PDB file of N, CA and C in Angstrom:
ATOM      1  N   MET A   1      95.286 141.003  80.164  1.00  0.00           N
ATOM      2  CA  MET A   1      96.117 140.096  79.391  1.00  0.00           C
ATOM      3  C   MET A   1      96.199 138.757  80.121  1.00  0.00           C
ATOM      4  N   THR A   2      95.793 137.705  79.460  1.00  0.00           N
ATOM      5  CA  THR A   2      95.802 136.377  80.052  1.00  0.00           C
ATOM      6  C   THR A   2      97.138 135.703  79.790  1.00  0.00           C
ATOM      7  N   GLU A   3      97.705 135.164  80.835  1.00  0.00           N
ATOM      8  CA  GLU A   3      98.981 134.466  80.710  1.00  0.00           C
ATOM      9  C   GLU A   3      98.727 133.002  80.372  1.00  0.00           C
ATOM     10  N   GLU A   4      99.439 132.518  79.366  1.00  0.00           N
ATOM     11  CA  GLU A   4      99.320 131.110  78.987  1.00  0.00           C
ATOM     12  C   GLU A   4     100.017 130.248  80.036  1.00  0.00           C
ATOM     13  N   ILE A   5      99.411 129.118  80.350  1.00  0.00           N
ATOM     14  CA  ILE A   5     100.000 128.186  81.305  1.00  0.00           C
ATOM     15  C   ILE A   5     100.233 126.861  80.595  1.00  0.00           C
ATOM     16  N   THR A   6     101.385 126.285  80.813  1.00  0.00           N
ATOM     17  CA  THR A   6     101.742 125.048  80.127  1.00  0.00           C
ATOM     18  C   THR A   6     101.187 123.840  80.879  1.00  0.00           C
ATOM     19  N   THR A   7     101.172 122.717  80.187  1.00  0.00           N
ATOM     20  CA  THR A   7     100.717 121.486  80.836  1.00  0.00           C
ATOM     21  C   THR A   7     101.645 121.118  81.989  1.00  0.00           C
ATOM     22  N   GLU A   8     102.923 121.441  81.868  1.00  0.00           N
ATOM     23  CA  GLU A   8     103.875 121.160  82.943  1.00  0.00           C
ATOM     24  C   GLU A   8     103.557 122.013  84.175  1.00  0.00           C
ATOM     25  N   GLN A   9     103.187 123.273  83.939  1.00  0.00           N
ATOM     26  CA  GLN A   9     102.833 124.154  85.058  1.00  0.00           C
ATOM     27  C   GLN A   9     101.541 123.688  85.729  1.00  0.00           C
ATOM     28  N   ILE A  10     100.588 123.238  84.928  1.00  0.00           N
ATOM     29  CA  ILE A  10      99.348 122.695  85.490  1.00  0.00           C
ATOM     30  C   ILE A  10      99.671 121.487  86.363  1.00  0.00           C
ATOM     31  N   ALA A  11     100.539 120.611  85.875  1.00  0.00           N
ATOM     32  CA  ALA A  11     100.930 119.423  86.644  1.00  0.00           C
ATOM     33  C   ALA A  11     101.609 119.823  87.951  1.00  0.00           C
ATOM     34  N   GLN A  12     102.430 120.861  87.921  1.00  0.00           N
ATOM     35  CA  GLN A  12     103.090 121.339  89.148  1.00  0.00           C
ATOM     36  C   GLN A  12     102.067 121.889  90.138  1.00  0.00           C
ATOM     37  N   HIS A  13     101.109 122.649  89.650  1.00  0.00           N
ATOM     38  CA  HIS A  13     100.054 123.180  90.513  1.00  0.00           C
ATOM     39  C   HIS A  13      99.230 122.043  91.123  1.00  0.00           C
ATOM     40  N   TYR A  14      98.913 121.046  90.310  1.00  0.00           N
ATOM     41  CA  TYR A  14      98.122 119.913  90.799  1.00  0.00           C
ATOM     42  C   TYR A  14      98.908 119.139  91.857  1.00  0.00           C
ATOM     43  N   SER A  15     100.181 118.927  91.612  1.00  0.00           N
ATOM     44  CA  SER A  15     101.030 118.224  92.575  1.00  0.00           C
ATOM     45  C   SER A  15     101.102 118.978  93.902  1.00  0.00           C
ATOM     46  N   ALA A  16     101.259 120.289  93.836  1.00  0.00           N
ATOM     47  CA  ALA A  16     101.306 121.097  95.055  1.00  0.00           C
ATOM     48  C   ALA A  16      99.969 121.048  95.794  1.00  0.00           C
ATOM     49  N   ALA A  17      98.882 121.086  95.046  1.00  0.00           N
ATOM     50  CA  ALA A  17      97.562 120.995  95.663  1.00  0.00           C
ATOM     51  C   ALA A  17      97.376 119.627  96.321  1.00  0.00           C
ATOM     52  N   MET A  18      97.844 118.579  95.661  1.00  0.00           N
ATOM     53  CA  MET A  18      97.736 117.245  96.252  1.00  0.00           C
ATOM     54  C   MET A  18      98.611 117.111  97.500  1.00  0.00           C
ATOM     55  N   ASP A  19      99.713 117.843  97.559  1.00  0.00           N
ATOM     56  CA  ASP A  19     100.514 117.872  98.784  1.00  0.00           C
ATOM     57  C   ASP A  19      99.671 118.413  99.941  1.00  0.00           C
ATOM     58  N   SER A  20      98.900 119.460  99.675  1.00  0.00           N
ATOM     59  CA  SER A  20      98.011 120.012 100.702  1.00  0.00           C
ATOM     60  C   SER A  20      96.936 118.998 101.088  1.00  0.00           C
ATOM     61  N   VAL A  21      96.351 118.326 100.102  1.00  0.00           N
ATOM     62  CA  VAL A  21      95.342 117.304 100.365  1.00  0.00           C
ATOM     63  C   VAL A  21      95.931 116.205 101.265  1.00  0.00           C
ATOM     64  N   ASN A  22      97.098 115.715 100.893  1.00  0.00           N
ATOM     65  CA  ASN A  22      97.716 114.629 101.647  1.00  0.00           C
ATOM     66  C   ASN A  22      98.074 115.053 103.067  1.00  0.00           C
ATOM     67  N   LEU A  23      98.539 116.277 103.226  1.00  0.00           N
ATOM     68  CA  LEU A  23      98.876 116.782 104.552  1.00  0.00           C
ATOM     69  C   LEU A  23      97.626 116.837 105.422  1.00  0.00           C
ATOM     70  N   ILE A  24      96.539 117.390 104.898  1.00  0.00           N
ATOM     71  CA  ILE A  24      95.287 117.480 105.654  1.00  0.00           C
ATOM     72  C   ILE A  24      94.774 116.087 105.996  1.00  0.00           C
ATOM     73  N   ASN A  25      94.775 115.188 105.012  1.00  0.00           N
ATOM     74  CA  ASN A  25      94.230 113.848 105.215  1.00  0.00           C
ATOM     75  C   ASN A  25      95.066 112.999 106.174  1.00  0.00           C
ATOM     76  N   ALA A  26      96.349 113.306 106.302  1.00  0.00           N
ATOM     77  CA  ALA A  26      97.214 112.532 107.195  1.00  0.00           C
ATOM     78  C   ALA A  26      96.911 112.811 108.660  1.00  0.00           C
ATOM     79  N   GLY A  27      96.318 113.964 108.927  1.00  0.00           N
ATOM     80  CA  GLY A  27      95.982 114.299 110.305  1.00  0.00           C
ATOM     81  C   GLY A  27      97.144 114.944 111.031  1.00  0.00           C
ATOM     82  N   GLN A  28      96.851 115.356 112.245  1.00  0.00           N
ATOM     83  CA  GLN A  28      97.815 116.088 113.065  1.00  0.00           C
ATOM     84  C   GLN A  28      99.009 115.210 113.428  1.00  0.00           C
ATOM     85  N   PRO A  29     100.199 115.666 113.075  1.00  0.00           N
ATOM     86  CA  PRO A  29     101.396 114.896 113.417  1.00  0.00           C
ATOM     87  C   PRO A  29     101.628 114.874 114.930  1.00  0.00           C
ATOM     88  N   GLU A  30     102.182 113.789 115.385  1.00  0.00           N
ATOM     89  CA  GLU A  30     102.524 113.674 116.796  1.00  0.00           C
ATOM     90  C   GLU A  30     103.530 114.769 117.150  1.00  0.00           C
ATOM     91  N   GLY A  31     103.310 115.418 118.257  1.00  0.00           N
ATOM     92  CA  GLY A  31     104.220 116.458 118.695  1.00  0.00           C
ATOM     93  C   GLY A  31     103.861 117.854 118.214  1.00  0.00           C
ATOM     94  N   MET A  32     102.883 117.969 117.326  1.00  0.00           N
ATOM     95  CA  MET A  32     102.455 119.296 116.853  1.00  0.00           C
ATOM     96  C   MET A  32     101.328 119.772 117.765  1.00  0.00           C
ATOM     97  N   THR A  33     101.408 121.027 118.179  1.00  0.00           N
ATOM     98  CA  THR A  33     100.363 121.563 119.045  1.00  0.00           C
ATOM     99  C   THR A  33      99.052 121.695 118.272  1.00  0.00           C
ATOM    100  N   ASP A  34      97.952 121.697 119.003  1.00  0.00           N
ATOM    101  CA  ASP A  34      96.643 121.865 118.369  1.00  0.00           C
ATOM    102  C   ASP A  34      96.569 123.204 117.641  1.00  0.00           C
ATOM    103  N   GLU A  35      97.158 124.236 118.239  1.00  0.00           N
ATOM    104  CA  GLU A  35      97.147 125.568 117.625  1.00  0.00           C
ATOM    105  C   GLU A  35      97.918 125.561 116.302  1.00  0.00           C
ATOM    106  N   ASP A  36      99.096 124.941 116.291  1.00  0.00           N
ATOM    107  CA  ASP A  36      99.885 124.864 115.055  1.00  0.00           C
ATOM    108  C   ASP A  36      99.162 124.033 113.996  1.00  0.00           C
ATOM    109  N   TRP A  37      98.516 122.960 114.422  1.00  0.00           N
ATOM    110  CA  TRP A  37      97.793 122.114 113.477  1.00  0.00           C
ATOM    111  C   TRP A  37      96.620 122.887 112.860  1.00  0.00           C
ATOM    112  N   ALA A  38      95.871 123.610 113.690  1.00  0.00           N
ATOM    113  CA  ALA A  38      94.741 124.390 113.181  1.00  0.00           C
ATOM    114  C   ALA A  38      95.222 125.419 112.165  1.00  0.00           C
ATOM    115  N   ASP A  39      96.356 126.058 112.428  1.00  0.00           N
ATOM    116  CA  ASP A  39      96.923 127.034 111.495  1.00  0.00           C
ATOM    117  C   ASP A  39      97.362 126.357 110.198  1.00  0.00           C
ATOM    118  N   THR A  40      97.968 125.201 110.318  1.00  0.00           N
ATOM    119  CA  THR A  40      98.423 124.448 109.143  1.00  0.00           C
ATOM    120  C   THR A  40      97.246 124.053 108.263  1.00  0.00           C
ATOM    121  N   VAL A  41      96.196 123.544 108.888  1.00  0.00           N
ATOM    122  CA  VAL A  41      95.010 123.137 108.134  1.00  0.00           C
ATOM    123  C   VAL A  41      94.387 124.347 107.453  1.00  0.00           C
ATOM    124  N   LYS A  42      94.279 125.462 108.171  1.00  0.00           N
ATOM    125  CA  LYS A  42      93.694 126.682 107.618  1.00  0.00           C
ATOM    126  C   LYS A  42      94.467 127.144 106.382  1.00  0.00           C
ATOM    127  N   ARG A  43      95.778 127.203 106.495  1.00  0.00           N
ATOM    128  CA  ARG A  43      96.596 127.665 105.366  1.00  0.00           C
ATOM    129  C   ARG A  43      96.477 126.730 104.168  1.00  0.00           C
ATOM    130  N   ASN A  44      96.454 125.431 104.408  1.00  0.00           N
ATOM    131  CA  ASN A  44      96.366 124.483 103.298  1.00  0.00           C
ATOM    132  C   ASN A  44      94.983 124.487 102.665  1.00  0.00           C
ATOM    133  N   LYS A  45      93.933 124.681 103.457  1.00  0.00           N
ATOM    134  CA  LYS A  45      92.589 124.791 102.882  1.00  0.00           C
ATOM    135  C   LYS A  45      92.480 126.056 102.041  1.00  0.00           C
ATOM    136  N   GLU A  46      93.084 127.145 102.514  1.00  0.00           N
ATOM    137  CA  GLU A  46      93.081 128.377 101.718  1.00  0.00           C
ATOM    138  C   GLU A  46      93.808 128.160 100.391  1.00  0.00           C
ATOM    139  N   HIS A  47      94.920 127.436 100.437  1.00  0.00           N
ATOM    140  CA  HIS A  47      95.653 127.117  99.204  1.00  0.00           C
ATOM    141  C   HIS A  47      94.761 126.331  98.241  1.00  0.00           C
ATOM    142  N   LEU A  48      94.038 125.350  98.762  1.00  0.00           N
ATOM    143  CA  LEU A  48      93.171 124.541  97.910  1.00  0.00           C
ATOM    144  C   LEU A  48      92.037 125.381  97.321  1.00  0.00           C
ATOM    145  N   GLU A  49      91.470 126.280  98.113  1.00  0.00           N
ATOM    146  CA  GLU A  49      90.407 127.145  97.599  1.00  0.00           C
ATOM    147  C   GLU A  49      90.924 128.016  96.458  1.00  0.00           C
ATOM    148  N   ILE A  50      92.125 128.540  96.604  1.00  0.00           N
ATOM    149  CA  ILE A  50      92.738 129.344  95.542  1.00  0.00           C
ATOM    150  C   ILE A  50      92.934 128.492  94.288  1.00  0.00           C
ATOM    151  N   MET A  51      93.440 127.287  94.470  1.00  0.00           N
ATOM    152  CA  MET A  51      93.679 126.410  93.321  1.00  0.00           C
ATOM    153  C   MET A  51      92.381 126.001  92.644  1.00  0.00           C
ATOM    154  N   LEU A  52      91.339 125.744  93.434  1.00  0.00           N
ATOM    155  CA  LEU A  52      90.060 125.350  92.845  1.00  0.00           C
ATOM    156  C   LEU A  52      89.427 126.481  92.041  1.00  0.00           C
ATOM    157  N   ALA A  53      89.777 127.708  92.341  1.00  0.00           N
ATOM    158  CA  ALA A  53      89.231 128.858  91.616  1.00  0.00           C
ATOM    159  C   ALA A  53      89.921 129.091  90.274  1.00  0.00           C
ATOM    160  N   LYS A  54      91.030 128.417  90.048  1.00  0.00           N
ATOM    161  CA  LYS A  54      91.763 128.590  88.782  1.00  0.00           C
ATOM    162  C   LYS A  54      90.962 127.999  87.630  1.00  0.00           C
ATOM    163  N   ASP A  55      91.128 128.587  86.457  1.00  0.00           N
ATOM    164  CA  ASP A  55      90.368 128.124  85.288  1.00  0.00           C
ATOM    165  C   ASP A  55      91.217 127.361  84.278  1.00  0.00           C
ATOM    166  N   PHE A  56      92.408 126.954  84.705  1.00  0.00           N
ATOM    167  CA  PHE A  56      93.284 126.263  83.751  1.00  0.00           C
ATOM    168  C   PHE A  56      93.203 124.743  83.828  1.00  0.00           C
ATOM    169  N   TRP A  57      92.398 124.212  84.726  1.00  0.00           N
ATOM    170  CA  TRP A  57      92.321 122.755  84.871  1.00  0.00           C
ATOM    171  C   TRP A  57      91.744 122.127  83.606  1.00  0.00           C
ATOM    172  N   THR A  58      92.239 120.944  83.292  1.00  0.00           N
ATOM    173  CA  THR A  58      91.751 120.227  82.103  1.00  0.00           C
ATOM    174  C   THR A  58      91.090 118.926  82.554  1.00  0.00           C
ATOM    175  N   THR A  59      91.829 117.837  82.580  1.00  0.00           N
ATOM    176  CA  THR A  59      91.249 116.536  82.930  1.00  0.00           C
ATOM    177  C   THR A  59      91.606 116.088  84.343  1.00  0.00           C
ATOM    178  N   GLU A  60      92.212 116.976  85.147  1.00  0.00           N
ATOM    179  CA  GLU A  60      92.615 116.614  86.497  1.00  0.00           C
ATOM    180  C   GLU A  60      91.383 116.321  87.356  1.00  0.00           C
ATOM    181  N   ASP A  61      91.516 115.350  88.246  1.00  0.00           N
ATOM    182  CA  ASP A  61      90.431 115.003  89.180  1.00  0.00           C
ATOM    183  C   ASP A  61      90.513 115.973  90.358  1.00  0.00           C
ATOM    184  N   LEU A  62      89.573 116.893  90.420  1.00  0.00           N
ATOM    185  CA  LEU A  62      89.584 117.905  91.471  1.00  0.00           C
ATOM    186  C   LEU A  62      88.812 117.460  92.717  1.00  0.00           C
ATOM    187  N   THR A  63      88.221 116.261  92.671  1.00  0.00           N
ATOM    188  CA  THR A  63      87.438 115.764  93.806  1.00  0.00           C
ATOM    189  C   THR A  63      88.231 115.741  95.106  1.00  0.00           C
ATOM    190  N   PRO A  64      89.490 115.231  95.123  1.00  0.00           N
ATOM    191  CA  PRO A  64      90.230 115.230  96.394  1.00  0.00           C
ATOM    192  C   PRO A  64      90.484 116.645  96.910  1.00  0.00           C
ATOM    193  N   LEU A  65      90.696 117.595  96.022  1.00  0.00           N
ATOM    194  CA  LEU A  65      90.930 118.981  96.416  1.00  0.00           C
ATOM    195  C   LEU A  65      89.666 119.568  97.039  1.00  0.00           C
ATOM    196  N   GLN A  66      88.537 119.282  96.396  1.00  0.00           N
ATOM    197  CA  GLN A  66      87.252 119.795  96.902  1.00  0.00           C
ATOM    198  C   GLN A  66      86.937 119.194  98.264  1.00  0.00           C
ATOM    199  N   ALA A  67      87.173 117.911  98.429  1.00  0.00           N
ATOM    200  CA  ALA A  67      86.868 117.240  99.700  1.00  0.00           C
ATOM    201  C   ALA A  67      87.755 117.774 100.825  1.00  0.00           C
ATOM    202  N   ALA A  68      89.034 117.964 100.559  1.00  0.00           N
ATOM    203  CA  ALA A  68      89.952 118.437 101.595  1.00  0.00           C
ATOM    204  C   ALA A  68      89.717 119.899 101.927  1.00  0.00           C
ATOM    205  N   ALA A  69      89.235 120.680 100.970  1.00  0.00           N
ATOM    206  CA  ALA A  69      88.988 122.104 101.209  1.00  0.00           C
ATOM    207  C   ALA A  69      87.699 122.348 101.974  1.00  0.00           C
ATOM    208  N   ALA A  70      86.824 121.361 101.979  1.00  0.00           N
ATOM    209  CA  ALA A  70      85.508 121.519 102.625  1.00  0.00           C
ATOM    210  C   ALA A  70      85.626 121.647 104.127  1.00  0.00           C
TER     211      ALA A  70
END
């Protein structure tokens, strides 16, 4: 059974994915250990990979998600 997703939910998913993109692109914050940063990047890339696998995207630009997940 496929669950319907609304345009508002798609927008929320895209916004959350862009939060991951922006976090990765901003680089390691001052005061964060290398180990914590590596874990943060790993978790956010995994989030982006999960989001990129979704089939509900319509006209959203997925290029930033793909670049940050690479």
